[in-house]
Amino acid sequence: MTSLDIRVSADAPALADTIAAALVDEIAGAVAARGRADVVLTGGGIGIACLGAVRDQPAAAAIDWAAVHLWWGDERYLPDGDPERNVTQAREALLDALPVPEANVHAMPARALEPEDAADGYADELARCAPSGASVPAFDVVMLGIGPEGHIASLFPHSNALMSGRAVVAVTDSPKPPPVRISLTLPSIRAGRQVWIMAAGESKAEAVARCADPSTDPRDLPAAGARGREATLLWVDNEAAALLG
């Protein structure tokens, strides 16, 4: 696995701006190099703040957004349009202001089917856009928040979903409400060229320090198992970085 590249910003707003600038650069580079960019988005405070900050990046206007495909690491299994859904928040923060074709916005299913059927359907959609022999696209960037106990996406410590070898899983026992969610698994996350783990605030400091410790078992702290094929970046503000050695 790739080692962690730790990037520290002064505070949460500065962190969001820094990540947004880096994201725009990575998307532009992927489109220039390969004619397409695949990015996995996340929710949460810092994830949505980053998307909002993309709107203020001058370089974003030069991107061919028709070549950009957007995916999600996880989703709350709620009705379409529910304000708690990650895709709803992403649309409000950024996507409604971008010329991204709706076909390129690969939202996880809303509550309608059984959760397992929804997970299977999203896995099928990922596979349709994947290279030959792969189950998911070669994501250029996988963006992940980290919970105080170290969860990423909807993969919680010692959960069945954490150990799944499938591409996408239904989570029906999330300790964080709502209990039913859809999530990418660790194998799908690790398919990313770059994995970005993002954290702001003192409540994340212990999880960040454990994530940076190479001896941490991913079963105890799922974020410790999130690594990219080419790079793994840990983006934090000063408060979240307080316990780093």
Protein backbone atom coordinates (compact mmCIF):
# COMPACT_ATOMS: atom_id res chain seq x y z
CA MET A 1 0.00 0.00 0.00
CA THR A 2 1.07 3.60 -0.53
CA SER A 3 2.29 5.58 2.46
CA LEU A 4 0.42 8.59 3.82
CA ASP A 5 1.23 12.05 2.52
CA ILE A 6 0.01 14.39 5.28
CA ARG A 7 -1.12 17.91 4.33
CA VAL A 8 -1.99 20.36 7.13
CA SER A 9 -3.98 23.60 6.79
CA ALA A 10 -4.61 26.26 9.40
CA ASP A 11 -8.33 25.72 9.83
CA ALA A 12 -11.37 24.12 8.22
CA PRO A 13 -12.10 26.88 5.66
CA ALA A 14 -8.45 26.94 4.55
CA LEU A 15 -8.48 23.15 4.35
CA ALA A 16 -11.58 23.14 2.14
CA ASP A 17 -10.03 25.73 -0.18
CA THR A 18 -6.76 23.80 -0.43
CA ILE A 19 -8.48 20.51 -1.19
CA ALA A 20 -10.76 22.18 -3.73
CA ALA A 21 -7.80 23.63 -5.61
CA ALA A 22 -6.07 20.24 -5.63
CA LEU A 23 -9.24 18.51 -6.81
CA VAL A 24 -9.66 20.89 -9.72
CA ASP A 25 -6.03 20.28 -10.71
CA GLU A 26 -6.44 16.49 -10.55
CA ILE A 27 -9.65 16.55 -12.60
CA ALA A 28 -8.10 18.80 -15.24
CA GLY A 29 -5.02 16.59 -15.40
CA ALA A 30 -7.03 13.40 -15.76
CA VAL A 31 -9.17 14.83 -18.55
CA ALA A 32 -6.06 16.08 -20.36
CA ALA A 33 -4.21 12.78 -19.98
CA ARG A 34 -7.00 10.26 -20.47
CA GLY A 35 -9.98 12.17 -21.81
CA ARG A 36 -12.02 11.38 -18.72
CA ALA A 37 -12.00 11.83 -14.95
CA ASP A 38 -13.75 9.61 -12.40
CA VAL A 39 -14.09 11.07 -8.91
CA VAL A 40 -15.70 9.59 -5.81
CA LEU A 41 -17.35 12.27 -3.68
CA THR A 42 -18.18 12.21 0.00
CA GLY A 43 -20.60 13.97 2.31
CA GLY A 44 -20.02 15.35 5.77
CA GLY A 45 -18.97 18.82 6.79
CA ILE A 46 -15.56 18.97 5.15
CA GLY A 47 -16.64 16.99 2.08
CA ILE A 48 -19.48 19.35 1.24
CA ALA A 49 -17.37 22.41 2.13
CA CYS A 50 -14.78 21.27 -0.41
CA LEU A 51 -17.41 21.05 -3.11
CA GLY A 52 -18.62 24.53 -2.29
CA ALA A 53 -15.05 25.79 -2.51
CA VAL A 54 -14.64 24.32 -6.00
CA ARG A 55 -17.10 26.96 -7.22
CA ASP A 56 -14.59 29.64 -6.23
CA GLN A 57 -11.68 28.06 -8.13
CA PRO A 58 -11.01 30.04 -11.35
CA ALA A 59 -9.50 26.95 -13.00
CA ALA A 60 -12.80 25.08 -12.63
CA ALA A 61 -14.28 27.10 -15.49
CA ALA A 62 -11.75 25.65 -17.93
CA ILE A 63 -12.60 22.00 -17.20
CA ASP A 64 -14.56 20.00 -19.75
CA TRP A 65 -17.17 18.83 -17.25
CA ALA A 66 -18.80 16.62 -19.88
CA ALA A 67 -15.74 14.37 -19.47
CA VAL A 68 -16.12 14.12 -15.69
CA HIS A 69 -17.97 11.25 -13.99
CA LEU A 70 -19.00 11.62 -10.36
CA TRP A 71 -19.56 8.74 -7.97
CA TRP A 72 -20.23 8.42 -4.25
CA GLY A 73 -18.47 6.52 -1.52
CA ASP A 74 -21.65 5.99 0.42
CA GLU A 75 -25.20 7.20 0.75
CA ARG A 76 -27.92 7.35 3.33
CA TYR A 77 -30.77 5.12 2.17
CA LEU A 78 -33.45 7.82 2.19
CA PRO A 79 -36.04 9.06 -0.32
CA ASP A 80 -34.86 10.93 -3.40
CA GLY A 81 -34.33 14.60 -2.61
CA ASP A 82 -34.05 14.10 1.14
CA PRO A 83 -31.81 16.88 2.50
CA GLU A 84 -29.74 14.33 4.43
CA ARG A 85 -28.68 12.49 1.28
CA ASN A 86 -25.11 13.18 0.20
CA VAL A 87 -26.13 13.72 -3.41
CA THR A 88 -28.74 16.31 -2.42
CA GLN A 89 -26.13 18.27 -0.48
CA ALA A 90 -23.61 17.93 -3.31
CA ARG A 91 -26.09 19.29 -5.83
CA GLU A 92 -26.81 22.30 -3.65
CA ALA A 93 -23.13 22.95 -2.92
CA LEU A 94 -21.76 22.54 -6.45
CA LEU A 95 -23.30 20.22 -9.00
CA ASP A 96 -26.31 22.38 -9.89
CA ALA A 97 -23.84 25.11 -10.88
CA LEU A 98 -21.73 22.88 -13.14
CA PRO A 99 -22.37 21.78 -16.74
CA VAL A 100 -22.02 18.11 -15.80
CA PRO A 101 -24.35 15.89 -17.86
CA GLU A 102 -26.91 14.21 -15.63
CA ALA A 103 -25.80 10.85 -17.05
CA ASN A 104 -22.38 11.50 -15.51
CA VAL A 105 -23.79 12.01 -12.01
CA HIS A 106 -23.81 8.45 -10.70
CA ALA A 107 -25.85 8.85 -7.54
CA MET A 108 -26.46 5.85 -5.34
CA PRO A 109 -30.10 4.72 -5.42
CA ALA A 110 -32.69 6.38 -3.23
CA ARG A 111 -34.96 4.38 -0.97
CA ALA A 112 -37.30 2.33 -3.15
CA LEU A 113 -35.80 -1.09 -3.73
CA GLU A 114 -34.54 -3.41 -1.04
CA PRO A 115 -31.11 -2.16 0.13
CA GLU A 116 -29.35 -5.25 -1.20
CA ASP A 117 -30.92 -4.75 -4.63
CA ALA A 118 -29.86 -1.10 -4.60
CA ALA A 119 -26.28 -2.10 -3.77
CA ASP A 120 -26.28 -4.66 -6.58
CA GLY A 121 -27.62 -2.06 -9.00
CA TYR A 122 -24.88 0.40 -8.14
CA ALA A 123 -22.28 -2.34 -8.49
CA ASP A 124 -23.63 -3.03 -11.97
CA GLU A 125 -23.36 0.66 -12.86
CA LEU A 126 -19.77 0.77 -11.64
CA ALA A 127 -18.91 -2.35 -13.64
CA ARG A 128 -20.34 -0.86 -16.84
CA CYS A 129 -17.84 2.01 -16.56
CA ALA A 130 -14.91 -0.14 -15.43
CA PRO A 131 -11.94 -1.24 -17.52
CA SER A 132 -11.99 -4.78 -18.85
CA GLY A 133 -11.57 -7.27 -16.02
CA ALA A 134 -12.26 -4.72 -13.26
CA SER A 135 -15.37 -4.26 -11.14
CA VAL A 136 -15.08 -0.48 -10.70
CA PRO A 137 -13.66 2.42 -12.70
CA ALA A 138 -10.05 3.44 -12.19
CA PHE A 139 -11.07 6.33 -9.94
CA ASP A 140 -8.74 9.29 -10.24
CA VAL A 141 -9.59 10.53 -6.74
CA VAL A 142 -11.56 8.87 -3.94
CA MET A 143 -12.58 11.47 -1.36
CA LEU A 144 -13.33 10.21 2.15
CA GLY A 145 -14.23 11.81 5.43
CA ILE A 146 -13.23 10.11 8.66
CA GLY A 147 -15.42 9.71 11.71
CA PRO A 148 -14.23 10.16 15.31
CA GLU A 149 -14.11 6.37 15.65
CA GLY A 150 -12.33 6.02 12.30
CA HIS A 151 -15.11 5.03 9.93
CA ILE A 152 -14.91 5.90 6.23
CA ALA A 153 -17.84 5.87 3.80
CA SER A 154 -20.28 3.64 5.73
CA LEU A 155 -17.63 1.15 6.79
CA PHE A 156 -17.57 1.05 10.58
CA PRO A 157 -15.11 -0.74 12.88
CA HIS A 158 -15.60 -4.51 13.09
CA SER A 159 -18.63 -4.42 10.78
CA ASN A 160 -19.51 -7.11 8.27
CA ALA A 161 -19.42 -4.51 5.49
CA LEU A 162 -15.82 -3.70 6.32
CA MET A 163 -14.73 -7.24 5.53
CA SER A 164 -16.78 -7.63 2.34
CA GLY A 165 -15.02 -8.46 -0.89
CA ARG A 166 -17.87 -7.14 -3.02
CA ALA A 167 -17.76 -3.79 -4.81
CA VAL A 168 -20.79 -2.30 -3.04
CA VAL A 169 -22.64 -3.37 0.09
CA ALA A 170 -25.90 -2.61 1.82
CA VAL A 171 -25.35 -1.58 5.43
CA THR A 172 -28.38 -2.24 7.62
CA ASP A 173 -26.87 -1.78 11.07
CA SER A 174 -25.00 1.51 10.95
CA PRO A 175 -24.27 2.77 14.48
CA LYS A 176 -24.70 6.27 13.09
CA PRO A 177 -28.23 7.22 11.94
CA PRO A 178 -29.83 6.44 9.64
CA PRO A 179 -29.07 2.73 10.11
CA VAL A 180 -29.55 1.75 6.45
CA ARG A 181 -26.95 2.89 3.93
CA ILE A 182 -25.20 1.89 0.72
CA SER A 183 -21.39 1.92 0.66
CA LEU A 184 -18.37 1.19 -1.44
CA THR A 185 -16.14 -1.45 0.12
CA LEU A 186 -12.43 -1.33 0.85
CA PRO A 187 -11.51 -3.15 -2.40
CA SER A 188 -13.42 -0.51 -4.39
CA ILE A 189 -11.83 2.35 -2.46
CA ARG A 190 -8.37 0.86 -3.00
CA ALA A 191 -9.00 0.84 -6.76
CA GLY A 192 -8.54 4.61 -6.72
CA ARG A 193 -5.36 6.09 -8.13
CA GLN A 194 -5.44 8.55 -5.26
CA VAL A 195 -7.31 8.23 -1.97
CA TRP A 196 -7.87 11.43 -0.01
CA ILE A 197 -8.80 11.17 3.67
CA MET A 198 -10.06 14.49 5.04
CA ALA A 199 -10.62 15.67 8.61
CA ALA A 200 -11.20 18.93 10.43
CA GLY A 201 -11.68 19.69 14.11
CA GLU A 202 -10.36 18.42 17.41
CA SER A 203 -12.95 15.63 17.57
CA LYS A 204 -11.08 13.92 14.72
CA ALA A 205 -7.57 14.24 16.20
CA GLU A 206 -7.39 10.78 17.80
CA ALA A 207 -8.72 9.03 14.68
CA VAL A 208 -6.28 10.96 12.50
CA ALA A 209 -3.32 9.99 14.69
CA ARG A 210 -4.34 6.33 14.63
CA CYS A 211 -4.87 6.46 10.87
CA ALA A 212 -1.31 7.73 10.45
CA ASP A 213 0.10 4.94 12.62
CA PRO A 214 1.18 2.09 10.30
CA SER A 215 0.53 -0.47 13.03
CA THR A 216 -3.21 0.31 13.22
CA ASP A 217 -5.45 -2.58 12.21
CA PRO A 218 -8.11 -1.52 9.65
CA ARG A 219 -10.61 -3.74 11.45
CA ASP A 220 -10.25 -1.40 14.43
CA LEU A 221 -10.00 1.79 12.38
CA PRO A 222 -11.31 1.42 8.81
CA ALA A 223 -9.54 4.59 7.62
CA ALA A 224 -6.24 2.79 8.17
CA GLY A 225 -7.17 0.46 5.32
CA ALA A 226 -7.99 3.19 2.82
CA ARG A 227 -5.01 3.50 0.52
CA GLY A 228 -4.67 4.54 -3.11
CA ARG A 229 -2.76 2.73 -5.84
CA GLU A 230 -0.56 5.74 -6.57
CA ALA A 231 -0.99 8.08 -3.61
CA THR A 232 -2.79 8.42 -0.29
CA LEU A 233 -3.25 11.92 1.08
CA LEU A 234 -4.35 12.80 4.60
CA TRP A 235 -5.76 16.32 4.51
CA VAL A 236 -6.23 17.84 7.99
CA ASP A 237 -6.50 21.17 9.74
CA ASN A 238 -4.40 22.11 12.76
CA GLU A 239 -6.97 20.85 15.25
CA ALA A 240 -7.28 17.45 13.59
CA ALA A 241 -3.48 17.24 13.34
CA ALA A 242 -2.93 17.99 17.02
CA LEU A 243 -1.95 14.42 18.01
CA LEU A 244 0.23 13.62 15.02
CA GLY A 245 3.81 12.83 15.96
